[in-house]
Amino acid sequence: IVRFSDTIMTTLQSKIEDLLGAFWDEREIAIAGDPTSIDDMGAPMDSLTACEAMIDIDVLVGKKIPVEVVISNGGYESRDQFIQQVTEGVLTYLANENE
C-alpha cells in the first residue's frame, strides 16, 4: 500500500489546482469565441465537461479515480467552486483509499 505524505499531498493539491484552473480557462476561451454556443444556459461548467478534466487528473495521480466520487451532478457555477470541490474530492478519495 502506498501512503501519501503530507508533503506529497500538498504538492499534489497544487498540481491538481493548476490543472483544473487551466482546464477551466481553456474551455472558457473556446466558448467565448463561439457565438453559437448555448453553454450560458446552464452551469458554466456542466458535469459532463468536468469529467473530461478527470482524464488529466488520472494521469497526474497515476490511477483511475471514479468520476462519480469526485464530480458534482449539475456542474459548477464558478472557476473557484470547480477547482476547490474537484481537488477536495480527489484528495479525499486518495486519502481514504490509502487507509
Protein backbone atom coordinates (compact mmCIF):
# COMPACT_ATOMS: atom_id res chain seq x y z
CA ILE A 1 0.00 0.00 0.00
CA VAL A 2 1.34 3.39 -0.98
CA ARG A 3 0.77 6.12 1.60
CA PHE A 4 0.89 9.74 0.55
CA SER A 5 2.78 12.00 2.94
CA ASP A 6 1.52 15.49 3.78
CA THR A 7 4.23 16.99 1.58
CA ILE A 8 3.23 14.86 -1.40
CA MET A 9 -0.45 15.70 -0.83
CA THR A 10 0.31 19.45 -0.67
CA THR A 11 2.31 19.25 -3.90
CA LEU A 12 -0.39 17.10 -5.48
CA GLN A 13 -3.08 19.57 -4.38
CA SER A 14 -1.17 22.41 -6.02
CA LYS A 15 -0.72 20.44 -9.28
CA ILE A 16 -4.40 19.43 -9.36
CA GLU A 17 -5.50 23.03 -8.76
CA ASP A 18 -3.22 24.27 -11.57
CA LEU A 19 -4.50 21.58 -13.93
CA LEU A 20 -8.16 22.35 -13.17
CA GLY A 21 -7.60 26.09 -13.47
CA ALA A 22 -6.01 25.66 -16.89
CA PHE A 23 -8.82 23.29 -17.95
CA TRP A 24 -11.46 25.86 -16.92
CA ASP A 25 -9.62 28.72 -18.64
CA GLU A 26 -9.14 26.82 -21.92
CA ARG A 27 -12.79 25.85 -22.00
CA GLU A 28 -13.92 29.39 -21.22
CA ILE A 29 -11.81 30.82 -24.07
CA ALA A 30 -13.25 28.25 -26.51
CA ILE A 31 -16.84 29.12 -25.54
CA ALA A 32 -16.27 32.88 -25.59
CA GLY A 33 -15.05 32.54 -29.18
CA ASP A 34 -18.09 30.56 -30.32
CA PRO A 35 -21.11 32.79 -30.99
CA THR A 36 -23.37 29.73 -31.45
CA SER A 37 -22.56 28.28 -28.03
CA ILE A 38 -25.57 27.63 -25.80
CA ASP A 39 -23.39 26.95 -22.77
CA ASP A 40 -24.61 30.08 -20.96
CA MET A 41 -27.94 28.34 -20.49
CA GLY A 42 -26.78 26.01 -17.72
CA ALA A 43 -23.99 25.96 -15.18
CA PRO A 44 -20.77 27.49 -16.53
CA MET A 45 -19.12 24.04 -16.22
CA ASP A 46 -21.51 21.12 -16.64
CA SER A 47 -20.69 17.79 -15.02
CA LEU A 48 -20.06 16.00 -18.34
CA THR A 49 -17.43 18.54 -19.34
CA ALA A 50 -15.93 18.41 -15.86
CA CYS A 51 -15.46 14.65 -16.32
CA GLU A 52 -13.03 15.40 -19.16
CA ALA A 53 -10.69 17.05 -16.63
CA MET A 54 -10.51 13.75 -14.75
CA ILE A 55 -8.56 12.19 -17.64
CA ASP A 56 -5.62 14.50 -16.90
CA ILE A 57 -6.01 14.03 -13.15
CA ASP A 58 -5.87 10.23 -13.56
CA VAL A 59 -2.58 10.66 -15.43
CA LEU A 60 -1.26 13.05 -12.77
CA VAL A 61 -2.01 10.76 -9.82
CA GLY A 62 -1.18 7.57 -11.70
CA LYS A 63 -4.53 5.86 -11.17
CA LYS A 64 -8.16 5.94 -12.29
CA ILE A 65 -10.33 7.92 -9.91
CA PRO A 66 -14.06 7.20 -10.25
CA VAL A 67 -15.72 10.37 -11.58
CA GLU A 68 -18.91 9.63 -9.67
CA VAL A 69 -16.94 10.07 -6.42
CA VAL A 70 -15.47 13.42 -7.43
CA ILE A 71 -17.66 15.22 -9.99
CA SER A 72 -20.75 17.05 -8.76
CA ASN A 73 -24.04 16.36 -10.58
CA GLY A 74 -25.30 19.58 -12.13
CA GLY A 75 -21.85 21.06 -12.67
CA TYR A 76 -20.12 24.07 -11.19
CA GLU A 77 -21.14 27.72 -11.01
CA SER A 78 -17.65 29.23 -10.80
CA ARG A 79 -13.99 28.51 -11.51
CA ASP A 80 -13.18 28.60 -7.78
CA GLN A 81 -16.00 26.20 -6.93
CA PHE A 82 -14.87 23.78 -9.66
CA ILE A 83 -11.22 23.83 -8.57
CA GLN A 84 -11.97 23.61 -4.85
CA GLN A 85 -14.59 20.85 -4.98
CA VAL A 86 -12.86 18.62 -7.53
CA THR A 87 -9.47 18.97 -5.81
CA GLU A 88 -11.05 18.17 -2.45
CA GLY A 89 -12.83 15.15 -3.94
CA VAL A 90 -9.65 13.76 -5.49
CA LEU A 91 -7.54 14.25 -2.35
CA THR A 92 -10.26 12.76 -0.12
CA TYR A 93 -10.56 9.75 -2.40
CA LEU A 94 -6.78 9.20 -2.39
CA ALA A 95 -6.54 9.62 1.39
CA ASN A 96 -9.42 7.21 2.05
CA GLU A 97 -8.06 4.68 -0.42
CA ASN A 98 -4.77 4.59 1.47
CA GLU A 99 -6.27 3.95 4.90
